[in-house]
Amino acid sequence: MPQMMPLNWLSLMFLFIMIFYCFSNMNYFNFLSLSKKEEIKKSPMIFNWKW
């Protein structure tokens, strides 16, 4: 396509790598905060045998 002519393979590769990088960072920090919330919820519910 003539509209895509200024983009060579290197810039397209860089574009896809940046999209993948942003997507993976978004997933990583989303699940990281989810696990911290679960740990905070679980910690007050733990009772030892003396209780």
Protein backbone atom coordinates (compact mmCIF):
# COMPACT_ATOMS: atom_id res chain seq x y z
CA MET A 1 0.00 0.00 0.00
CA PRO A 2 1.39 3.44 -0.78
CA GLN A 3 0.22 4.83 2.56
CA MET A 4 2.53 2.43 4.36
CA MET A 5 5.60 3.36 2.32
CA PRO A 6 7.35 5.52 4.95
CA LEU A 7 7.24 2.62 7.42
CA ASN A 8 10.04 0.19 6.75
CA TRP A 9 10.42 -3.19 8.45
CA LEU A 10 12.51 -1.78 11.30
CA SER A 11 9.91 0.79 12.35
CA LEU A 12 7.14 -1.81 12.05
CA MET A 13 9.10 -4.21 14.21
CA PHE A 14 9.68 -1.44 16.75
CA LEU A 15 5.97 -0.60 16.71
CA PHE A 16 4.90 -4.21 17.37
CA ILE A 17 7.52 -4.63 20.07
CA MET A 18 6.29 -1.51 21.83
CA ILE A 19 2.66 -2.70 21.61
CA PHE A 20 3.67 -6.06 23.07
CA TYR A 21 5.75 -4.36 25.77
CA CYS A 22 2.87 -2.10 26.83
CA PHE A 23 0.43 -5.01 26.85
CA SER A 24 2.70 -7.17 28.95
CA ASN A 25 3.43 -4.40 31.42
CA MET A 26 -0.27 -3.71 31.77
CA ASN A 27 -0.95 -7.38 32.51
CA TYR A 28 1.98 -7.65 34.89
CA PHE A 29 1.03 -4.68 37.03
CA ASN A 30 -2.64 -5.62 36.95
CA PHE A 31 -1.97 -9.09 38.36
CA LEU A 32 0.65 -7.75 40.75
CA SER A 33 -1.85 -5.41 42.40
CA LEU A 34 -4.47 -8.18 42.41
CA SER A 35 -2.16 -10.50 44.34
CA LYS A 36 -1.35 -7.76 46.87
CA LYS A 37 -5.07 -7.16 47.48
CA GLU A 38 -5.61 -10.88 48.00
CA GLU A 39 -2.76 -11.03 50.50
CA ILE A 40 -4.22 -8.12 52.43
CA LYS A 41 -7.62 -9.83 52.49
CA LYS A 42 -6.18 -13.17 53.58
CA SER A 43 -3.93 -11.89 56.36
CA PRO A 44 -6.60 -10.95 58.95
CA MET A 45 -8.44 -14.26 58.45
CA ILE A 46 -5.50 -16.41 59.54
CA PHE A 47 -5.91 -17.82 63.06
CA ASN A 48 -3.31 -19.94 64.76
CA TRP A 49 -4.06 -23.00 66.88
CA LYS A 50 -4.08 -21.01 70.13
CA TRP A 51 -7.11 -19.00 69.03
